[in-house]
Amino acid sequence: MKILKKKQTKIALLAIAAITFSVWLSGFILLKYENFKEIQSQKKKIEQIEKTIKNDTYGGKTPEETLRMFIDAVEAGDYELASKYFTVEKRKGEKLRLVNIGKQKKLKVYVDILRQLKPWRSSLNEDEFMMRSETDFGGPLFVYFIRYPSGIWKINEI
């Protein structure tokens, strides 16, 4: 009887160990699968951004031309078009910012400051450019441009 109990105890412990291992293994596999899915999702997002950048035609051959195009779109109230002169990652936020500036009726002041921009530093590297404008609002305004592989210039930050 004692031998039978010991055997049953061993079997029960082995069963518990097998179940515990199976649960752990399932969790491990699920975690790896979720990581794999996340990596695949990120790869798709990167591919989409790269495709958008490659096919992007909004912008000028110089930073100054891109700025003029941007100002024209802002003055026309076409914030969708104006946002397309920004880098892909910044478009949505910049469109919202332009809408907000428009609602506050500060577009004229904003455009006037943009028209005063002058080249400030072009020695960052050949694919980056900066412009600067003095403001009455506590300091200068800087605009950073980058050149896409297609050769067009985009606004990266204002």
N, C-alpha and C. Protein backbone atom coordinates (compact mmCIF):
# COMPACT_ATOMS: atom_id res chain seq x y z
N MET A 1 0.81 -1.18 0.00
CA MET A 1 0.00 0.00 0.00
C MET A 1 0.86 1.25 0.00
N LYS A 2 1.92 1.24 0.84
CA LYS A 2 2.81 2.38 0.89
C LYS A 2 3.51 2.58 -0.44
N ILE A 3 3.89 1.49 -1.09
CA ILE A 3 4.57 1.57 -2.38
C ILE A 3 3.63 2.18 -3.41
N LEU A 4 2.37 1.80 -3.35
CA LEU A 4 1.38 2.33 -4.27
C LEU A 4 1.18 3.82 -4.06
N LYS A 5 1.15 4.28 -2.81
CA LYS A 5 1.01 5.70 -2.50
C LYS A 5 2.21 6.48 -2.99
N LYS A 6 3.41 5.92 -2.77
CA LYS A 6 4.62 6.60 -3.23
C LYS A 6 4.61 6.72 -4.75
N LYS A 7 4.17 5.65 -5.41
CA LYS A 7 4.12 5.67 -6.86
C LYS A 7 3.09 6.70 -7.34
N GLN A 8 1.94 6.74 -6.69
CA GLN A 8 0.91 7.72 -7.05
C GLN A 8 1.41 9.15 -6.80
N THR A 9 2.15 9.34 -5.72
CA THR A 9 2.70 10.66 -5.41
C THR A 9 3.70 11.07 -6.48
N LYS A 10 4.56 10.13 -6.88
CA LYS A 10 5.53 10.44 -7.93
C LYS A 10 4.82 10.79 -9.24
N ILE A 11 3.80 10.01 -9.57
CA ILE A 11 3.05 10.27 -10.80
C ILE A 11 2.39 11.65 -10.73
N ALA A 12 1.80 11.95 -9.57
CA ALA A 12 1.14 13.26 -9.39
C ALA A 12 2.15 14.39 -9.51
N LEU A 13 3.32 14.24 -8.90
CA LEU A 13 4.36 15.27 -8.99
C LEU A 13 4.86 15.43 -10.42
N LEU A 14 5.04 14.29 -11.10
CA LEU A 14 5.45 14.36 -12.50
C LEU A 14 4.37 15.04 -13.35
N ALA A 15 3.12 14.74 -13.08
CA ALA A 15 2.02 15.36 -13.82
C ALA A 15 2.00 16.87 -13.56
N ILE A 16 2.18 17.27 -12.31
CA ILE A 16 2.22 18.70 -11.97
C ILE A 16 3.40 19.37 -12.65
N ALA A 17 4.56 18.71 -12.63
CA ALA A 17 5.75 19.27 -13.29
C ALA A 17 5.51 19.39 -14.80
N ALA A 18 4.89 18.38 -15.41
CA ALA A 18 4.61 18.41 -16.85
C ALA A 18 3.63 19.53 -17.18
N ILE A 19 2.60 19.67 -16.37
CA ILE A 19 1.61 20.74 -16.59
C ILE A 19 2.27 22.10 -16.42
N THR A 20 3.08 22.26 -15.37
CA THR A 20 3.77 23.53 -15.13
C THR A 20 4.69 23.86 -16.31
N PHE A 21 5.44 22.87 -16.75
CA PHE A 21 6.33 23.08 -17.89
C PHE A 21 5.53 23.43 -19.15
N SER A 22 4.41 22.75 -19.37
CA SER A 22 3.57 23.02 -20.55
C SER A 22 3.02 24.44 -20.51
N VAL A 23 2.57 24.87 -19.35
CA VAL A 23 2.06 26.24 -19.21
C VAL A 23 3.18 27.24 -19.47
N TRP A 24 4.35 27.00 -18.88
CA TRP A 24 5.50 27.90 -19.10
C TRP A 24 5.88 27.93 -20.58
N LEU A 25 5.96 26.75 -21.20
CA LEU A 25 6.33 26.66 -22.61
C LEU A 25 5.31 27.38 -23.49
N SER A 26 4.04 27.21 -23.18
CA SER A 26 2.99 27.90 -23.94
C SER A 26 3.14 29.42 -23.82
N GLY A 27 3.39 29.88 -22.61
CA GLY A 27 3.60 31.31 -22.39
C GLY A 27 4.82 31.82 -23.14
N PHE A 28 5.88 31.06 -23.12
CA PHE A 28 7.11 31.43 -23.82
C PHE A 28 6.87 31.52 -25.33
N ILE A 29 6.20 30.51 -25.86
CA ILE A 29 5.90 30.50 -27.30
C ILE A 29 4.97 31.66 -27.66
N LEU A 30 3.98 31.92 -26.84
CA LEU A 30 3.06 33.03 -27.09
C LEU A 30 3.80 34.36 -27.07
N LEU A 31 4.69 34.53 -26.11
CA LEU A 31 5.48 35.75 -26.04
C LEU A 31 6.34 35.93 -27.28
N LYS A 32 7.00 34.86 -27.70
CA LYS A 32 7.83 34.93 -28.91
C LYS A 32 6.97 35.24 -30.14
N TYR A 33 5.78 34.66 -30.21
CA TYR A 33 4.88 34.92 -31.32
C TYR A 33 4.42 36.38 -31.32
N GLU A 34 4.08 36.91 -30.16
CA GLU A 34 3.68 38.31 -30.06
C GLU A 34 4.82 39.23 -30.47
N ASN A 35 6.05 38.91 -30.05
CA ASN A 35 7.22 39.70 -30.46
C ASN A 35 7.40 39.64 -31.97
N PHE A 36 7.23 38.47 -32.54
CA PHE A 36 7.34 38.29 -33.98
C PHE A 36 6.31 39.15 -34.70
N LYS A 37 5.06 39.10 -34.22
CA LYS A 37 3.99 39.91 -34.84
C LYS A 37 4.31 41.40 -34.74
N GLU A 38 4.83 41.85 -33.61
CA GLU A 38 5.18 43.26 -33.42
C GLU A 38 6.30 43.66 -34.37
N ILE A 39 7.29 42.82 -34.52
CA ILE A 39 8.41 43.11 -35.44
C ILE A 39 7.88 43.18 -36.87
N GLN A 40 7.01 42.27 -37.25
CA GLN A 40 6.44 42.29 -38.60
C GLN A 40 5.62 43.56 -38.82
N SER A 41 4.86 43.96 -37.81
CA SER A 41 4.06 45.18 -37.90
C SER A 41 4.96 46.41 -38.07
N GLN A 42 6.05 46.46 -37.30
CA GLN A 42 6.99 47.58 -37.41
C GLN A 42 7.66 47.59 -38.78
N LYS A 43 7.99 46.42 -39.30
CA LYS A 43 8.60 46.34 -40.63
C LYS A 43 7.64 46.89 -41.69
N LYS A 44 6.35 46.54 -41.56
CA LYS A 44 5.36 47.04 -42.52
C LYS A 44 5.24 48.56 -42.44
N LYS A 45 5.26 49.09 -41.22
CA LYS A 45 5.18 50.54 -41.05
C LYS A 45 6.39 51.23 -41.68
N ILE A 46 7.56 50.67 -41.46
CA ILE A 46 8.80 51.23 -42.03
C ILE A 46 8.74 51.17 -43.55
N GLU A 47 8.29 50.03 -44.09
CA GLU A 47 8.17 49.90 -45.54
C GLU A 47 7.20 50.93 -46.11
N GLN A 48 6.08 51.16 -45.40
CA GLN A 48 5.09 52.14 -45.85
C GLN A 48 5.68 53.55 -45.83
N ILE A 49 6.41 53.88 -44.76
CA ILE A 49 7.04 55.20 -44.68
C ILE A 49 8.07 55.36 -45.79
N GLU A 50 8.89 54.33 -46.01
CA GLU A 50 9.89 54.40 -47.08
C GLU A 50 9.23 54.56 -48.44
N LYS A 51 8.12 53.87 -48.66
CA LYS A 51 7.38 54.00 -49.93
C LYS A 51 6.83 55.41 -50.07
N THR A 52 6.26 55.94 -49.00
CA THR A 52 5.72 57.30 -49.02
C THR A 52 6.83 58.31 -49.32
N ILE A 53 7.97 58.15 -48.67
CA ILE A 53 9.10 59.06 -48.89
C ILE A 53 9.58 58.97 -50.34
N LYS A 54 9.68 57.75 -50.86
CA LYS A 54 10.16 57.56 -52.22
C LYS A 54 9.23 58.21 -53.24
N ASN A 55 7.92 58.14 -53.01
CA ASN A 55 6.94 58.65 -53.96
C ASN A 55 6.51 60.09 -53.67
N ASP A 56 7.06 60.69 -52.65
CA ASP A 56 6.66 62.04 -52.24
C ASP A 56 7.19 63.07 -53.24
N THR A 57 6.29 63.89 -53.75
CA THR A 57 6.68 64.93 -54.71
C THR A 57 6.45 66.33 -54.17
N TYR A 58 6.00 66.45 -52.94
CA TYR A 58 5.70 67.76 -52.36
C TYR A 58 6.96 68.36 -51.76
N GLY A 59 7.41 69.44 -52.34
CA GLY A 59 8.60 70.12 -51.86
C GLY A 59 9.35 70.72 -53.02
N GLY A 60 10.29 71.58 -52.69
CA GLY A 60 11.04 72.26 -53.71
C GLY A 60 12.43 71.68 -53.91
N LYS A 61 13.10 72.23 -54.90
CA LYS A 61 14.47 71.82 -55.18
C LYS A 61 15.46 72.49 -54.23
N THR A 62 14.96 73.50 -53.50
CA THR A 62 15.77 74.18 -52.49
C THR A 62 14.91 74.36 -51.24
N PRO A 63 15.52 74.57 -50.09
CA PRO A 63 14.73 74.85 -48.89
C PRO A 63 13.87 76.11 -49.07
N GLU A 64 14.42 77.11 -49.72
CA GLU A 64 13.68 78.36 -49.91
C GLU A 64 12.43 78.13 -50.76
N GLU A 65 12.55 77.30 -51.78
CA GLU A 65 11.39 77.00 -52.63
C GLU A 65 10.33 76.25 -51.82
N THR A 66 10.74 75.31 -51.03
CA THR A 66 9.79 74.58 -50.18
C THR A 66 9.10 75.54 -49.22
N LEU A 67 9.85 76.47 -48.65
CA LEU A 67 9.26 77.45 -47.74
C LEU A 67 8.22 78.30 -48.47
N ARG A 68 8.54 78.76 -49.67
CA ARG A 68 7.57 79.56 -50.45
C ARG A 68 6.30 78.76 -50.72
N MET A 69 6.45 77.50 -51.08
CA MET A 69 5.29 76.64 -51.36
C MET A 69 4.45 76.46 -50.09
N PHE A 70 5.13 76.27 -48.98
CA PHE A 70 4.44 76.11 -47.70
C PHE A 70 3.66 77.38 -47.36
N ILE A 71 4.31 78.54 -47.47
CA ILE A 71 3.65 79.81 -47.16
C ILE A 71 2.43 80.01 -48.06
N ASP A 72 2.58 79.73 -49.36
CA ASP A 72 1.45 79.87 -50.29
C ASP A 72 0.27 79.01 -49.87
N ALA A 73 0.54 77.77 -49.47
CA ALA A 73 -0.54 76.87 -49.05
C ALA A 73 -1.19 77.36 -47.76
N VAL A 74 -0.38 77.86 -46.82
CA VAL A 74 -0.93 78.39 -45.56
C VAL A 74 -1.82 79.60 -45.84
N GLU A 75 -1.33 80.50 -46.68
CA GLU A 75 -2.13 81.70 -47.00
C GLU A 75 -3.43 81.35 -47.71
N ALA A 76 -3.41 80.28 -48.49
CA ALA A 76 -4.62 79.84 -49.18
C ALA A 76 -5.57 79.08 -48.24
N GLY A 77 -5.10 78.82 -47.01
CA GLY A 77 -5.92 78.07 -46.05
C GLY A 77 -5.94 76.58 -46.32
N ASP A 78 -5.06 76.11 -47.17
CA ASP A 78 -4.99 74.68 -47.51
C ASP A 78 -3.98 74.00 -46.58
N TYR A 79 -4.43 73.69 -45.37
CA TYR A 79 -3.54 73.11 -44.36
C TYR A 79 -3.13 71.68 -44.71
N GLU A 80 -3.98 70.98 -45.45
CA GLU A 80 -3.63 69.64 -45.89
C GLU A 80 -2.41 69.71 -46.81
N LEU A 81 -2.47 70.60 -47.79
CA LEU A 81 -1.33 70.77 -48.69
C LEU A 81 -0.11 71.29 -47.93
N ALA A 82 -0.31 72.28 -47.08
CA ALA A 82 0.81 72.84 -46.31
C ALA A 82 1.50 71.75 -45.49
N SER A 83 0.74 70.85 -44.92
CA SER A 83 1.33 69.79 -44.08
C SER A 83 2.18 68.83 -44.91
N LYS A 84 1.91 68.74 -46.22
CA LYS A 84 2.67 67.82 -47.07
C LYS A 84 4.08 68.31 -47.34
N TYR A 85 4.39 69.55 -46.99
CA TYR A 85 5.75 70.05 -47.15
C TYR A 85 6.62 69.68 -45.95
N PHE A 86 6.01 69.03 -44.97
CA PHE A 86 6.75 68.51 -43.81
C PHE A 86 7.14 67.06 -44.06
N THR A 87 8.10 66.59 -43.28
CA THR A 87 8.48 65.18 -43.35
C THR A 87 7.28 64.33 -42.98
N VAL A 88 7.27 63.11 -43.44
CA VAL A 88 6.13 62.21 -43.25
C VAL A 88 5.70 62.12 -41.78
N GLU A 89 6.67 61.99 -40.89
CA GLU A 89 6.36 61.79 -39.47
C GLU A 89 5.71 63.01 -38.83
N LYS A 90 5.93 64.18 -39.40
CA LYS A 90 5.47 65.42 -38.76
C LYS A 90 4.17 65.96 -39.34
N ARG A 91 3.70 65.42 -40.44
CA ARG A 91 2.56 65.99 -41.16
C ARG A 91 1.30 66.15 -40.31
N LYS A 92 0.91 65.09 -39.65
CA LYS A 92 -0.34 65.12 -38.90
C LYS A 92 -0.31 66.19 -37.81
N GLY A 93 0.77 66.21 -37.05
CA GLY A 93 0.89 67.19 -35.98
C GLY A 93 0.95 68.61 -36.50
N GLU A 94 1.64 68.83 -37.61
CA GLU A 94 1.75 70.18 -38.17
C GLU A 94 0.42 70.64 -38.74
N LYS A 95 -0.35 69.74 -39.33
CA LYS A 95 -1.67 70.13 -39.83
C LYS A 95 -2.55 70.59 -38.67
N LEU A 96 -2.53 69.86 -37.58
CA LEU A 96 -3.31 70.26 -36.40
C LEU A 96 -2.83 71.61 -35.85
N ARG A 97 -1.52 71.82 -35.86
CA ARG A 97 -0.96 73.09 -35.37
C ARG A 97 -1.42 74.24 -36.26
N LEU A 98 -1.42 74.04 -37.57
CA LEU A 98 -1.87 75.08 -38.49
C LEU A 98 -3.35 75.40 -38.30
N VAL A 99 -4.15 74.37 -38.11
CA VAL A 99 -5.58 74.58 -37.85
C VAL A 99 -5.74 75.41 -36.59
N ASN A 100 -4.98 75.10 -35.56
CA ASN A 100 -5.05 75.83 -34.30
C ASN A 100 -4.63 77.30 -34.48
N ILE A 101 -3.55 77.53 -35.21
CA ILE A 101 -3.10 78.90 -35.48
C ILE A 101 -4.19 79.66 -36.23
N GLY A 102 -4.82 78.98 -37.19
CA GLY A 102 -5.90 79.61 -37.94
C GLY A 102 -7.08 79.96 -37.06
N LYS A 103 -7.44 79.06 -36.16
CA LYS A 103 -8.56 79.32 -35.24
C LYS A 103 -8.27 80.49 -34.33
N GLN A 104 -7.01 80.66 -33.97
CA GLN A 104 -6.62 81.76 -33.09
C GLN A 104 -6.42 83.07 -33.87
N LYS A 105 -6.64 82.99 -35.19
CA LYS A 105 -6.50 84.17 -36.06
C LYS A 105 -5.10 84.78 -35.99
N LYS A 106 -4.10 83.90 -35.98
CA LYS A 106 -2.70 84.35 -35.91
C LYS A 106 -1.92 83.99 -37.17
N LEU A 107 -2.62 83.63 -38.24
CA LEU A 107 -1.93 83.21 -39.45
C LEU A 107 -1.10 84.33 -40.06
N LYS A 108 -1.62 85.55 -40.06
CA LYS A 108 -0.88 86.66 -40.66
C LYS A 108 0.44 86.86 -39.93
N VAL A 109 0.42 86.86 -38.61
CA VAL A 109 1.65 87.02 -37.82
C VAL A 109 2.60 85.86 -38.13
N TYR A 110 2.07 84.65 -38.17
CA TYR A 110 2.86 83.46 -38.44
C TYR A 110 3.54 83.56 -39.81
N VAL A 111 2.76 83.91 -40.83
CA VAL A 111 3.30 84.03 -42.19
C VAL A 111 4.32 85.16 -42.27
N ASP A 112 4.05 86.27 -41.60
CA ASP A 112 5.00 87.40 -41.60
C ASP A 112 6.36 86.98 -41.04
N ILE A 113 6.34 86.20 -39.98
CA ILE A 113 7.59 85.71 -39.39
C ILE A 113 8.29 84.76 -40.37
N LEU A 114 7.51 83.88 -41.01
CA LEU A 114 8.10 82.94 -41.97
C LEU A 114 8.73 83.68 -43.15
N ARG A 115 8.12 84.77 -43.57
CA ARG A 115 8.66 85.54 -44.70
C ARG A 115 10.00 86.20 -44.35
N GLN A 116 10.27 86.39 -43.07
CA GLN A 116 11.51 87.01 -42.63
C GLN A 116 12.66 86.01 -42.47
N LEU A 117 12.39 84.75 -42.68
CA LEU A 117 13.42 83.73 -42.51
C LEU A 117 14.57 83.95 -43.49
N LYS A 118 15.76 83.78 -42.96
CA LYS A 118 16.99 83.90 -43.76
C LYS A 118 17.83 82.65 -43.53
N PRO A 119 18.57 82.25 -44.55
CA PRO A 119 19.48 81.10 -44.34
C PRO A 119 20.36 81.38 -43.12
N TRP A 120 20.50 80.38 -42.29
CA TRP A 120 21.27 80.59 -41.07
C TRP A 120 22.48 79.68 -41.00
N ARG A 121 22.26 78.42 -41.27
CA ARG A 121 23.38 77.49 -41.19
C ARG A 121 23.15 76.38 -42.21
N SER A 122 24.05 76.29 -43.15
CA SER A 122 23.93 75.22 -44.14
C SER A 122 25.06 74.22 -44.02
N SER A 123 25.86 74.35 -43.01
CA SER A 123 27.03 73.49 -42.88
C SER A 123 26.77 72.24 -42.06
N LEU A 124 25.50 71.97 -41.72
CA LEU A 124 25.21 70.76 -40.96
C LEU A 124 25.68 69.54 -41.76
N ASN A 125 25.17 69.40 -42.94
CA ASN A 125 25.64 68.49 -43.98
C ASN A 125 24.83 68.83 -45.22
N GLU A 126 25.16 68.22 -46.32
CA GLU A 126 24.53 68.64 -47.58
C GLU A 126 23.03 68.34 -47.66
N ASP A 127 22.51 67.52 -46.76
CA ASP A 127 21.09 67.17 -46.78
C ASP A 127 20.30 67.83 -45.66
N GLU A 128 20.91 68.79 -44.98
CA GLU A 128 20.23 69.52 -43.91
C GLU A 128 20.47 71.01 -44.11
N PHE A 129 19.48 71.80 -43.70
CA PHE A 129 19.58 73.24 -43.88
C PHE A 129 18.76 73.91 -42.78
N MET A 130 19.20 75.07 -42.33
CA MET A 130 18.48 75.80 -41.29
C MET A 130 18.24 77.23 -41.75
N MET A 131 17.08 77.75 -41.32
CA MET A 131 16.77 79.15 -41.54
C MET A 131 16.37 79.73 -40.20
N ARG A 132 16.51 81.06 -40.08
CA ARG A 132 16.25 81.72 -38.80
C ARG A 132 15.55 83.05 -39.06
N SER A 133 14.65 83.38 -38.14
CA SER A 133 13.94 84.65 -38.21
C SER A 133 13.80 85.20 -36.80
N GLU A 134 14.02 86.49 -36.65
CA GLU A 134 13.82 87.11 -35.35
C GLU A 134 12.32 87.32 -35.12
N THR A 135 11.90 87.18 -33.87
CA THR A 135 10.49 87.40 -33.53
C THR A 135 10.42 88.36 -32.36
N ASP A 136 9.23 88.86 -32.14
CA ASP A 136 8.98 89.72 -30.99
C ASP A 136 8.45 88.89 -29.82
N PHE A 137 8.55 87.60 -29.93
CA PHE A 137 7.94 86.71 -28.94
C PHE A 137 8.96 85.94 -28.12
N GLY A 138 10.05 86.54 -27.81
CA GLY A 138 11.01 85.91 -26.91
C GLY A 138 12.12 85.13 -27.57
N GLY A 139 12.48 85.46 -28.76
CA GLY A 139 13.61 84.78 -29.36
C GLY A 139 13.39 84.46 -30.82
N PRO A 140 14.41 83.90 -31.43
CA PRO A 140 14.32 83.62 -32.86
C PRO A 140 13.47 82.38 -33.15
N LEU A 141 13.02 82.31 -34.38
CA LEU A 141 12.32 81.14 -34.88
C LEU A 141 13.28 80.42 -35.82
N PHE A 142 13.45 79.13 -35.63
CA PHE A 142 14.31 78.32 -36.49
C PHE A 142 13.44 77.36 -37.29
N VAL A 143 13.84 77.15 -38.52
CA VAL A 143 13.19 76.15 -39.37
C VAL A 143 14.28 75.22 -39.88
N TYR A 144 14.07 73.94 -39.65
CA TYR A 144 15.04 72.92 -40.05
C TYR A 144 14.48 72.17 -41.27
N PHE A 145 15.29 72.04 -42.29
CA PHE A 145 14.92 71.35 -43.51
C PHE A 145 15.81 70.13 -43.68
N ILE A 146 15.25 69.12 -44.35
CA ILE A 146 16.08 67.98 -44.76
C ILE A 146 15.75 67.66 -46.21
N ARG A 147 16.74 67.09 -46.89
CA ARG A 147 16.54 66.71 -48.29
C ARG A 147 16.25 65.21 -48.34
N TYR A 148 15.15 64.90 -48.99
CA TYR A 148 14.78 63.50 -49.20
C TYR A 148 15.68 62.89 -50.27
N PRO A 149 15.77 61.56 -50.31
CA PRO A 149 16.59 60.91 -51.33
C PRO A 149 16.21 61.31 -52.75
N SER A 150 14.95 61.69 -52.96
CA SER A 150 14.49 62.10 -54.29
C SER A 150 15.02 63.47 -54.68
N GLY A 151 15.62 64.19 -53.72
CA GLY A 151 16.18 65.51 -53.99
C GLY A 151 15.30 66.66 -53.56
N ILE A 152 14.05 66.38 -53.16
CA ILE A 152 13.19 67.47 -52.70
C ILE A 152 13.47 67.79 -51.24
N TRP A 153 13.27 69.04 -50.89
CA TRP A 153 13.49 69.51 -49.53
C TRP A 153 12.19 69.52 -48.77
N LYS A 154 12.24 69.05 -47.53
CA LYS A 154 11.08 68.99 -46.65
C LYS A 154 11.38 69.78 -45.38
N ILE A 155 10.32 70.34 -44.80
CA ILE A 155 10.46 70.98 -43.50
C ILE A 155 10.42 69.87 -42.45
N ASN A 156 11.43 69.86 -41.61
CA ASN A 156 11.47 68.86 -40.56
C ASN A 156 10.94 69.41 -39.25
N GLU A 157 11.15 70.70 -39.05
CA GLU A 157 10.70 71.29 -37.77
C GLU A 157 10.66 72.80 -37.89
N ILE A 158 9.62 73.37 -37.28
CA ILE A 158 9.54 74.83 -37.15
C ILE A 158 9.49 75.11 -35.66
